[in-house]
Amino acid sequence: MTKNIGFIPELIINHLNENGIENINSLPSSDDATLDDIISYCQSKNKNIDSVFLKKIIYEAVSTGYDKRYLSTIYDNNVRNYQDNIFQNTFLSILKKLKINKIYNELEVIVVGVGNGIEGELLYSKIKKLTITDIAPLSLSRAYELLPHSNALKIDASNMRELKDSFYDLYISLRTYQSTYFNITQSLKEAKRLLNSSGHIILSIACGYINEDKYSFGLFNPHNKQLEEARPEYFVKKIQDTLNQLKFKNIGNVSTPSEIFIYAKT
């Protein structure tokens, strides 16, 4: 867990207040709520505020919020180090299961929600045709420093219309789809559009934390700030159900201490 930094809802509220929108004291707490819902909610409370300005402020709040929370993430005392190499080895085993391990570095790969790129040196450094994306500009810049051979784009996972249809062989997004106000359904529709007919998708949902050398399973609820054991499986099920609705094939998952991986084929 990131210490001494607020969760995304309060960071949005603080940013709104700092920009003169002062009558927002809470935000919708449904796990199905997206940024569009937040914009509509804030607009209903501020009918005289220009909708374009409001949308800009909220997206700015989210992008700067993620920078505040994750820009400085490192692997020291990180749950991905809880058991030696299990994170990396599990990812590699999924590539093998998908039968793309031998051609992985030759594929056209997009990494959505790359954050500061901390896992890049382990997983992405040898990929020849790599696109990395995030909505947090400072984190994306840090990732690009680690992966200078990549094409780095500041772009929303739910709206990637500037990218070509059926262009990518592999779509990767690790510990992103559980993000607050993340539009899972629309983002997976975009993933489906971007992948070619023989493409694959690998996602993961965070499911564990290290605090003072003690491991705890679960995912923090950003609204009540409690670690909830059932929360990771909620997101895994929602993702798998949506993949199924979008007619992805061979859907599977595998658990590690740090995250639950989900994979599928187009």
C-alpha atoms as a PDB file:
ATOM      1  CA  MET A   1       0.000   0.000   0.000  1.00  0.00           C
ATOM      2  CA  THR A   2       1.222   3.513  -0.800  1.00  0.00           C
ATOM      3  CA  LYS A   3       1.711   5.397   2.433  1.00  0.00           C
ATOM      4  CA  ASN A   4       0.718   8.957   3.289  1.00  0.00           C
ATOM      5  CA  ILE A   5      -1.017   9.530  -0.063  1.00  0.00           C
ATOM      6  CA  GLY A   6      -4.769   9.666  -0.410  1.00  0.00           C
ATOM      7  CA  PHE A   7      -6.882   7.280  -2.437  1.00  0.00           C
ATOM      8  CA  ILE A   8      -8.114   8.413  -5.847  1.00  0.00           C
ATOM      9  CA  PRO A   9     -11.616   9.642  -4.758  1.00  0.00           C
ATOM     10  CA  GLU A  10     -10.185  12.057  -2.195  1.00  0.00           C
ATOM     11  CA  LEU A  11      -7.456  13.167  -4.593  1.00  0.00           C
ATOM     12  CA  ILE A  12     -10.162  14.017  -7.147  1.00  0.00           C
ATOM     13  CA  ILE A  13     -12.170  15.937  -4.532  1.00  0.00           C
ATOM     14  CA  ASN A  14      -9.072  17.872  -3.406  1.00  0.00           C
ATOM     15  CA  HIS A  15      -8.179  18.738  -6.998  1.00  0.00           C
ATOM     16  CA  LEU A  16     -11.729  19.926  -7.697  1.00  0.00           C
ATOM     17  CA  ASN A  17     -11.635  22.119  -4.591  1.00  0.00           C
ATOM     18  CA  GLU A  18      -8.277  23.562  -5.613  1.00  0.00           C
ATOM     19  CA  ASN A  19      -9.825  24.547  -8.943  1.00  0.00           C
ATOM     20  CA  GLY A  20     -12.769  26.364  -7.421  1.00  0.00           C
ATOM     21  CA  ILE A  21     -15.294  23.512  -7.425  1.00  0.00           C
ATOM     22  CA  GLU A  22     -15.962  23.394  -3.710  1.00  0.00           C
ATOM     23  CA  ASN A  23     -19.331  21.718  -3.197  1.00  0.00           C
ATOM     24  CA  ILE A  24     -18.172  18.140  -3.900  1.00  0.00           C
ATOM     25  CA  ASN A  25     -17.591  16.345  -0.595  1.00  0.00           C
ATOM     26  CA  SER A  26     -18.017  12.760  -1.785  1.00  0.00           C
ATOM     27  CA  LEU A  27     -18.115  10.761  -5.009  1.00  0.00           C
ATOM     28  CA  PRO A  28     -20.048   7.672  -6.152  1.00  0.00           C
ATOM     29  CA  SER A  29     -18.652   4.574  -4.451  1.00  0.00           C
ATOM     30  CA  SER A  30     -19.952   1.834  -6.746  1.00  0.00           C
ATOM     31  CA  ASP A  31     -17.257  -0.424  -8.201  1.00  0.00           C
ATOM     32  CA  ASP A  32     -19.080  -0.102 -11.520  1.00  0.00           C
ATOM     33  CA  ALA A  33     -18.744   3.702 -11.561  1.00  0.00           C
ATOM     34  CA  THR A  34     -16.519   5.077 -14.322  1.00  0.00           C
ATOM     35  CA  LEU A  35     -14.993   8.493 -14.920  1.00  0.00           C
ATOM     36  CA  ASP A  36     -17.980   9.347 -17.129  1.00  0.00           C
ATOM     37  CA  ASP A  37     -20.214   8.697 -14.117  1.00  0.00           C
ATOM     38  CA  ILE A  38     -18.042  10.942 -11.965  1.00  0.00           C
ATOM     39  CA  ILE A  39     -18.212  13.709 -14.544  1.00  0.00           C
ATOM     40  CA  SER A  40     -22.019  13.409 -14.734  1.00  0.00           C
ATOM     41  CA  TYR A  41     -22.281  13.419 -10.939  1.00  0.00           C
ATOM     42  CA  CYS A  42     -20.108  16.526 -10.572  1.00  0.00           C
ATOM     43  CA  GLN A  43     -21.997  18.242 -13.392  1.00  0.00           C
ATOM     44  CA  SER A  44     -25.282  17.604 -11.564  1.00  0.00           C
ATOM     45  CA  LYS A  45     -23.854  19.395  -8.526  1.00  0.00           C
ATOM     46  CA  ASN A  46     -22.430  22.256 -10.586  1.00  0.00           C
ATOM     47  CA  LYS A  47     -24.853  22.942 -13.395  1.00  0.00           C
ATOM     48  CA  ASN A  48     -23.257  26.294 -14.254  1.00  0.00           C
ATOM     49  CA  ILE A  49     -19.765  24.900 -14.791  1.00  0.00           C
ATOM     50  CA  ASP A  50     -18.687  24.239 -18.359  1.00  0.00           C
ATOM     51  CA  SER A  51     -18.732  20.479 -18.995  1.00  0.00           C
ATOM     52  CA  VAL A  52     -15.527  20.556 -21.056  1.00  0.00           C
ATOM     53  CA  PHE A  53     -13.690  22.335 -18.233  1.00  0.00           C
ATOM     54  CA  LEU A  54     -15.087  19.916 -15.662  1.00  0.00           C
ATOM     55  CA  LYS A  55     -14.012  16.879 -17.686  1.00  0.00           C
ATOM     56  CA  LYS A  56     -10.530  18.355 -18.083  1.00  0.00           C
ATOM     57  CA  ILE A  57     -10.206  18.938 -14.325  1.00  0.00           C
ATOM     58  CA  ILE A  58     -11.369  15.428 -13.415  1.00  0.00           C
ATOM     59  CA  TYR A  59      -9.074  13.696 -15.903  1.00  0.00           C
ATOM     60  CA  GLU A  60      -6.246  15.909 -14.685  1.00  0.00           C
ATOM     61  CA  ALA A  61      -7.056  14.943 -11.101  1.00  0.00           C
ATOM     62  CA  VAL A  62      -6.942  11.233 -11.913  1.00  0.00           C
ATOM     63  CA  SER A  63      -3.716  11.404 -13.924  1.00  0.00           C
ATOM     64  CA  THR A  64      -1.908  13.453 -11.280  1.00  0.00           C
ATOM     65  CA  GLY A  65      -3.395  11.223  -8.585  1.00  0.00           C
ATOM     66  CA  TYR A  66      -1.881   8.110 -10.132  1.00  0.00           C
ATOM     67  CA  ASP A  67       1.446   9.904 -10.454  1.00  0.00           C
ATOM     68  CA  LYS A  68       1.335  10.761  -6.753  1.00  0.00           C
ATOM     69  CA  ARG A  69       0.538   7.182  -5.786  1.00  0.00           C
ATOM     70  CA  TYR A  70       2.702   5.172  -8.140  1.00  0.00           C
ATOM     71  CA  LEU A  71       5.498   7.274  -9.676  1.00  0.00           C
ATOM     72  CA  SER A  72       8.013   6.230  -7.018  1.00  0.00           C
ATOM     73  CA  THR A  73       6.973   2.560  -6.723  1.00  0.00           C
ATOM     74  CA  ILE A  74       9.997   0.279  -6.345  1.00  0.00           C
ATOM     75  CA  TYR A  75      10.449  -3.452  -5.731  1.00  0.00           C
ATOM     76  CA  ASP A  76      12.035  -3.037  -2.293  1.00  0.00           C
ATOM     77  CA  ASN A  77       9.540  -4.539   0.188  1.00  0.00           C
ATOM     78  CA  ASN A  78       7.136  -4.955  -2.737  1.00  0.00           C
ATOM     79  CA  VAL A  79       4.757  -7.915  -2.743  1.00  0.00           C
ATOM     80  CA  ARG A  80       6.153  -9.002  -6.118  1.00  0.00           C
ATOM     81  CA  ASN A  81       9.301  -9.917  -4.179  1.00  0.00           C
ATOM     82  CA  TYR A  82       7.375 -11.941  -1.592  1.00  0.00           C
ATOM     83  CA  GLN A  83       8.452 -15.222  -3.172  1.00  0.00           C
ATOM     84  CA  ASP A  84      11.580 -15.405  -5.322  1.00  0.00           C
ATOM     85  CA  ASN A  85      10.849 -14.806  -9.025  1.00  0.00           C
ATOM     86  CA  ILE A  86       7.252 -16.073  -8.827  1.00  0.00           C
ATOM     87  CA  PHE A  87       5.869 -12.947 -10.530  1.00  0.00           C
ATOM     88  CA  GLN A  88       8.240 -13.148 -13.489  1.00  0.00           C
ATOM     89  CA  ASN A  89       8.098 -16.937 -13.723  1.00  0.00           C
ATOM     90  CA  THR A  90       4.301 -16.953 -13.728  1.00  0.00           C
ATOM     91  CA  PHE A  91       4.198 -14.386 -16.535  1.00  0.00           C
ATOM     92  CA  LEU A  92       6.664 -16.470 -18.562  1.00  0.00           C
ATOM     93  CA  SER A  93       4.622 -19.618 -17.915  1.00  0.00           C
ATOM     94  CA  ILE A  94       1.538 -17.883 -19.325  1.00  0.00           C
ATOM     95  CA  LEU A  95       3.459 -16.988 -22.485  1.00  0.00           C
ATOM     96  CA  LYS A  96       4.375 -20.664 -22.788  1.00  0.00           C
ATOM     97  CA  LYS A  97       0.770 -21.761 -22.204  1.00  0.00           C
ATOM     98  CA  LEU A  98      -0.333 -19.361 -24.954  1.00  0.00           C
ATOM     99  CA  LYS A  99       2.435 -20.815 -27.181  1.00  0.00           C
ATOM    100  CA  ILE A 100       4.009 -17.435 -27.823  1.00  0.00           C
ATOM    101  CA  ASN A 101       7.031 -17.698 -25.507  1.00  0.00           C
ATOM    102  CA  LYS A 102       9.484 -18.365 -28.344  1.00  0.00           C
ATOM    103  CA  ILE A 103       8.265 -15.420 -30.446  1.00  0.00           C
ATOM    104  CA  TYR A 104       7.382 -13.016 -27.604  1.00  0.00           C
ATOM    105  CA  ASN A 105      10.143 -10.493 -28.337  1.00  0.00           C
ATOM    106  CA  GLU A 106       9.191 -10.395 -32.035  1.00  0.00           C
ATOM    107  CA  LEU A 107       5.506  -9.610 -31.454  1.00  0.00           C
ATOM    108  CA  GLU A 108       3.745  -6.266 -31.795  1.00  0.00           C
ATOM    109  CA  VAL A 109       3.003  -5.630 -28.115  1.00  0.00           C
ATOM    110  CA  ILE A 110       1.006  -2.934 -26.326  1.00  0.00           C
ATOM    111  CA  VAL A 111       1.301  -2.444 -22.559  1.00  0.00           C
ATOM    112  CA  VAL A 112      -1.667  -0.502 -21.183  1.00  0.00           C
ATOM    113  CA  GLY A 113      -1.273   1.217 -17.808  1.00  0.00           C
ATOM    114  CA  VAL A 114       2.494   0.783 -17.743  1.00  0.00           C
ATOM    115  CA  GLY A 115       2.841   3.064 -14.693  1.00  0.00           C
ATOM    116  CA  ASN A 116       6.473   3.904 -13.996  1.00  0.00           C
ATOM    117  CA  GLY A 117       7.587   0.839 -15.936  1.00  0.00           C
ATOM    118  CA  ILE A 118       9.057  -0.900 -12.916  1.00  0.00           C
ATOM    119  CA  GLU A 119       8.379  -4.361 -14.356  1.00  0.00           C
ATOM    120  CA  GLY A 120       9.677  -3.283 -17.772  1.00  0.00           C
ATOM    121  CA  GLU A 121      13.259  -4.425 -17.306  1.00  0.00           C
ATOM    122  CA  LEU A 122      12.008  -7.883 -16.331  1.00  0.00           C
ATOM    123  CA  LEU A 123       9.294  -8.321 -18.940  1.00  0.00           C
ATOM    124  CA  TYR A 124       9.519  -5.817 -21.803  1.00  0.00           C
ATOM    125  CA  SER A 125      13.131  -4.763 -22.340  1.00  0.00           C
ATOM    126  CA  LYS A 126      13.787  -7.114 -25.281  1.00  0.00           C
ATOM    127  CA  ILE A 127      10.511  -6.594 -27.144  1.00  0.00           C
ATOM    128  CA  LYS A 128      11.397  -5.023 -30.480  1.00  0.00           C
ATOM    129  CA  LYS A 129       7.991  -3.531 -31.333  1.00  0.00           C
ATOM    130  CA  LEU A 130       6.630  -2.115 -28.085  1.00  0.00           C
ATOM    131  CA  THR A 131       3.954   0.483 -27.341  1.00  0.00           C
ATOM    132  CA  ILE A 132       3.492   1.651 -23.734  1.00  0.00           C
ATOM    133  CA  THR A 133       0.565   3.740 -22.514  1.00  0.00           C
ATOM    134  CA  ASP A 134      -0.662   5.416 -19.349  1.00  0.00           C
ATOM    135  CA  ILE A 135      -2.780   8.407 -18.316  1.00  0.00           C
ATOM    136  CA  ALA A 136      -0.236   9.518 -15.691  1.00  0.00           C
ATOM    137  CA  PRO A 137       2.332  11.665 -17.539  1.00  0.00           C
ATOM    138  CA  LEU A 138       5.227  11.596 -15.067  1.00  0.00           C
ATOM    139  CA  SER A 139       4.954   7.847 -14.578  1.00  0.00           C
ATOM    140  CA  LEU A 140       4.826   7.317 -18.340  1.00  0.00           C
ATOM    141  CA  SER A 141       7.937   9.467 -18.741  1.00  0.00           C
ATOM    142  CA  ARG A 142       9.744   7.373 -16.125  1.00  0.00           C
ATOM    143  CA  ALA A 143       8.688   4.194 -17.952  1.00  0.00           C
ATOM    144  CA  TYR A 144      10.028   5.568 -21.215  1.00  0.00           C
ATOM    145  CA  GLU A 145      13.396   6.207 -19.562  1.00  0.00           C
ATOM    146  CA  LEU A 146      13.500   2.489 -18.696  1.00  0.00           C
ATOM    147  CA  LEU A 147      12.168   1.439 -22.124  1.00  0.00           C
ATOM    148  CA  PRO A 148      13.589   4.024 -24.570  1.00  0.00           C
ATOM    149  CA  HIS A 149      12.985   1.732 -27.557  1.00  0.00           C
ATOM    150  CA  SER A 150       9.212   1.920 -27.003  1.00  0.00           C
ATOM    151  CA  ASN A 151       6.525   4.167 -28.435  1.00  0.00           C
ATOM    152  CA  ALA A 152       5.096   5.975 -25.372  1.00  0.00           C
ATOM    153  CA  LEU A 153       1.552   7.377 -25.518  1.00  0.00           C
ATOM    154  CA  LYS A 154      -0.469   9.267 -22.893  1.00  0.00           C
ATOM    155  CA  ILE A 155      -3.860   7.768 -23.622  1.00  0.00           C
ATOM    156  CA  ASP A 156      -6.963   6.481 -21.832  1.00  0.00           C
ATOM    157  CA  ALA A 157      -7.417   2.692 -22.001  1.00  0.00           C
ATOM    158  CA  SER A 158     -11.132   3.091 -22.685  1.00  0.00           C
ATOM    159  CA  ASN A 159     -10.607   5.406 -25.661  1.00  0.00           C
ATOM    160  CA  MET A 160      -7.648   4.488 -27.853  1.00  0.00           C
ATOM    161  CA  ARG A 161      -9.212   5.401 -31.177  1.00  0.00           C
ATOM    162  CA  GLU A 162      -5.972   6.910 -32.498  1.00  0.00           C
ATOM    163  CA  LEU A 163      -4.514   3.378 -32.579  1.00  0.00           C
ATOM    164  CA  LYS A 164      -5.130   1.036 -35.515  1.00  0.00           C
ATOM    165  CA  ASP A 165      -7.654  -1.792 -35.552  1.00  0.00           C
ATOM    166  CA  SER A 166      -6.277  -5.355 -35.507  1.00  0.00           C
ATOM    167  CA  PHE A 167      -2.690  -4.100 -35.209  1.00  0.00           C
ATOM    168  CA  TYR A 168      -1.320  -5.805 -32.087  1.00  0.00           C
ATOM    169  CA  ASP A 169      -0.374  -9.403 -31.383  1.00  0.00           C
ATOM    170  CA  LEU A 170      -0.385  -9.062 -27.592  1.00  0.00           C
ATOM    171  CA  TYR A 171      -2.164  -6.710 -25.171  1.00  0.00           C
ATOM    172  CA  ILE A 172      -0.735  -6.585 -21.627  1.00  0.00           C
ATOM    173  CA  SER A 173      -2.159  -4.669 -18.667  1.00  0.00           C
ATOM    174  CA  LEU A 174      -0.882  -5.577 -15.205  1.00  0.00           C
ATOM    175  CA  ARG A 175      -2.558  -4.374 -11.985  1.00  0.00           C
ATOM    176  CA  THR A 176      -4.466  -1.675 -13.866  1.00  0.00           C
ATOM    177  CA  TYR A 177      -7.996  -3.005 -14.390  1.00  0.00           C
ATOM    178  CA  GLN A 178      -8.858  -2.763 -10.674  1.00  0.00           C
ATOM    179  CA  SER A 179      -8.084   0.979 -10.722  1.00  0.00           C
ATOM    180  CA  THR A 180     -10.694   3.323  -9.285  1.00  0.00           C
ATOM    181  CA  TYR A 181     -13.289   4.435 -11.859  1.00  0.00           C
ATOM    182  CA  PHE A 182     -11.614   2.318 -14.542  1.00  0.00           C
ATOM    183  CA  ASN A 183     -14.025   1.409 -17.336  1.00  0.00           C
ATOM    184  CA  ILE A 184     -13.416  -2.331 -17.628  1.00  0.00           C
ATOM    185  CA  THR A 185     -16.047  -3.046 -20.270  1.00  0.00           C
ATOM    186  CA  GLN A 186     -15.059  -0.262 -22.640  1.00  0.00           C
ATOM    187  CA  SER A 187     -11.342  -0.931 -22.160  1.00  0.00           C
ATOM    188  CA  LEU A 188     -11.787  -4.600 -23.044  1.00  0.00           C
ATOM    189  CA  LYS A 189     -13.787  -3.593 -26.114  1.00  0.00           C
ATOM    190  CA  GLU A 190     -10.816  -1.461 -27.127  1.00  0.00           C
ATOM    191  CA  ALA A 191      -8.457  -4.367 -26.451  1.00  0.00           C
ATOM    192  CA  LYS A 192     -10.579  -6.578 -28.709  1.00  0.00           C
ATOM    193  CA  ARG A 193     -10.485  -3.937 -31.442  1.00  0.00           C
ATOM    194  CA  LEU A 194      -6.721  -3.474 -31.230  1.00  0.00           C
ATOM    195  CA  LEU A 195      -5.825  -7.171 -31.321  1.00  0.00           C
ATOM    196  CA  ASN A 196      -5.514  -9.113 -34.550  1.00  0.00           C
ATOM    197  CA  SER A 197      -7.296 -12.404 -35.195  1.00  0.00           C
ATOM    198  CA  SER A 198      -4.495 -14.465 -33.618  1.00  0.00           C
ATOM    199  CA  GLY A 199      -3.869 -12.049 -30.764  1.00  0.00           C
ATOM    200  CA  HIS A 200      -3.689 -12.638 -27.020  1.00  0.00           C
ATOM    201  CA  ILE A 201      -4.416 -10.641 -23.875  1.00  0.00           C
ATOM    202  CA  ILE A 202      -2.725 -10.876 -20.465  1.00  0.00           C
ATOM    203  CA  LEU A 203      -4.143  -8.896 -17.540  1.00  0.00           C
ATOM    204  CA  SER A 204      -3.628  -8.995 -13.794  1.00  0.00           C
ATOM    205  CA  ILE A 205      -5.508  -7.826 -10.721  1.00  0.00           C
ATOM    206  CA  ALA A 206      -3.608  -6.893  -7.560  1.00  0.00           C
ATOM    207  CA  CYS A 207      -4.385  -9.242  -4.681  1.00  0.00           C
ATOM    208  CA  GLY A 208      -1.788  -8.842  -1.956  1.00  0.00           C
ATOM    209  CA  TYR A 209       0.243  -6.370   0.085  1.00  0.00           C
ATOM    210  CA  ILE A 210       3.318  -6.368   2.294  1.00  0.00           C
ATOM    211  CA  ASN A 211       3.185  -4.217   5.420  1.00  0.00           C
ATOM    212  CA  GLU A 212       6.025  -4.400   7.940  1.00  0.00           C
ATOM    213  CA  ASP A 213       7.127  -7.724   6.410  1.00  0.00           C
ATOM    214  CA  LYS A 214       3.651  -9.236   6.852  1.00  0.00           C
ATOM    215  CA  TYR A 215       1.722 -10.466   3.818  1.00  0.00           C
ATOM    216  CA  SER A 216      -2.021  -9.824   3.538  1.00  0.00           C
ATOM    217  CA  PHE A 217      -4.316 -11.097   0.790  1.00  0.00           C
ATOM    218  CA  GLY A 218      -6.938  -8.741  -0.619  1.00  0.00           C
ATOM    219  CA  LEU A 219      -7.439  -5.439  -2.366  1.00  0.00           C
ATOM    220  CA  PHE A 220      -7.972  -2.048  -0.788  1.00  0.00           C
ATOM    221  CA  ASN A 221     -11.376  -0.458  -1.251  1.00  0.00           C
ATOM    222  CA  PRO A 222     -10.631   3.198  -2.104  1.00  0.00           C
ATOM    223  CA  HIS A 223     -13.899   4.367  -0.562  1.00  0.00           C
ATOM    224  CA  ASN A 224     -13.772   2.768   2.886  1.00  0.00           C
ATOM    225  CA  LYS A 225      -9.968   2.289   2.830  1.00  0.00           C
ATOM    226  CA  GLN A 226     -10.267  -1.286   4.066  1.00  0.00           C
ATOM    227  CA  LEU A 227      -8.409  -4.327   2.743  1.00  0.00           C
ATOM    228  CA  GLU A 228     -11.111  -6.680   1.449  1.00  0.00           C
ATOM    229  CA  GLU A 229     -10.329 -10.337   0.734  1.00  0.00           C
ATOM    230  CA  ALA A 230     -13.206 -10.816  -1.725  1.00  0.00           C
ATOM    231  CA  ARG A 231     -12.363  -7.769  -3.814  1.00  0.00           C
ATOM    232  CA  PRO A 232      -9.733  -9.289  -6.173  1.00  0.00           C
ATOM    233  CA  GLU A 233     -12.073 -12.118  -7.187  1.00  0.00           C
ATOM    234  CA  TYR A 234     -14.851  -9.600  -7.887  1.00  0.00           C
ATOM    235  CA  PHE A 235     -12.683  -7.944 -10.537  1.00  0.00           C
ATOM    236  CA  VAL A 236     -11.391 -11.239 -11.919  1.00  0.00           C
ATOM    237  CA  LYS A 237     -14.951 -12.483 -12.424  1.00  0.00           C
ATOM    238  CA  LYS A 238     -16.066  -9.233 -14.022  1.00  0.00           C
ATOM    239  CA  ILE A 239     -13.132  -9.318 -16.443  1.00  0.00           C
ATOM    240  CA  GLN A 240     -13.631 -12.979 -17.335  1.00  0.00           C
ATOM    241  CA  ASP A 241     -17.370 -12.473 -17.854  1.00  0.00           C
ATOM    242  CA  THR A 242     -16.679  -9.521 -20.156  1.00  0.00           C
ATOM    243  CA  LEU A 243     -14.003 -11.414 -22.090  1.00  0.00           C
ATOM    244  CA  ASN A 244     -16.528 -14.182 -22.601  1.00  0.00           C
ATOM    245  CA  GLN A 245     -19.189 -11.718 -23.780  1.00  0.00           C
ATOM    246  CA  LEU A 246     -16.665 -10.293 -26.262  1.00  0.00           C
ATOM    247  CA  LYS A 247     -16.049 -13.837 -27.550  1.00  0.00           C
ATOM    248  CA  PHE A 248     -12.453 -14.184 -26.398  1.00  0.00           C
ATOM    249  CA  LYS A 249     -11.391 -17.832 -26.272  1.00  0.00           C
ATOM    250  CA  ASN A 250      -9.393 -20.082 -23.927  1.00  0.00           C
ATOM    251  CA  ILE A 251      -9.938 -17.778 -20.945  1.00  0.00           C
ATOM    252  CA  GLY A 252      -7.964 -18.734 -17.874  1.00  0.00           C
ATOM    253  CA  ASN A 253      -6.357 -17.377 -14.731  1.00  0.00           C
ATOM    254  CA  VAL A 254      -3.548 -18.156 -12.320  1.00  0.00           C
ATOM    255  CA  SER A 255      -2.904 -16.699  -8.855  1.00  0.00           C
ATOM    256  CA  THR A 256       0.327 -15.421  -7.307  1.00  0.00           C
ATOM    257  CA  PRO A 257       0.884 -13.566  -4.007  1.00  0.00           C
ATOM    258  CA  SER A 258       0.977 -10.216  -5.799  1.00  0.00           C
ATOM    259  CA  GLU A 259      -1.733 -10.583  -8.420  1.00  0.00           C
ATOM    260  CA  ILE A 260      -4.164 -12.821 -10.233  1.00  0.00           C
ATOM    261  CA  PHE A 261      -3.301 -13.154 -13.921  1.00  0.00           C
ATOM    262  CA  ILE A 262      -6.061 -13.488 -16.526  1.00  0.00           C
ATOM    263  CA  TYR A 263      -5.316 -14.504 -20.094  1.00  0.00           C
ATOM    264  CA  ALA A 264      -7.226 -15.231 -23.277  1.00  0.00           C
ATOM    265  CA  LYS A 265      -7.040 -15.476 -27.056  1.00  0.00           C
ATOM    266  CA  THR A 266      -9.015 -13.476 -29.609  1.00  0.00           C
END
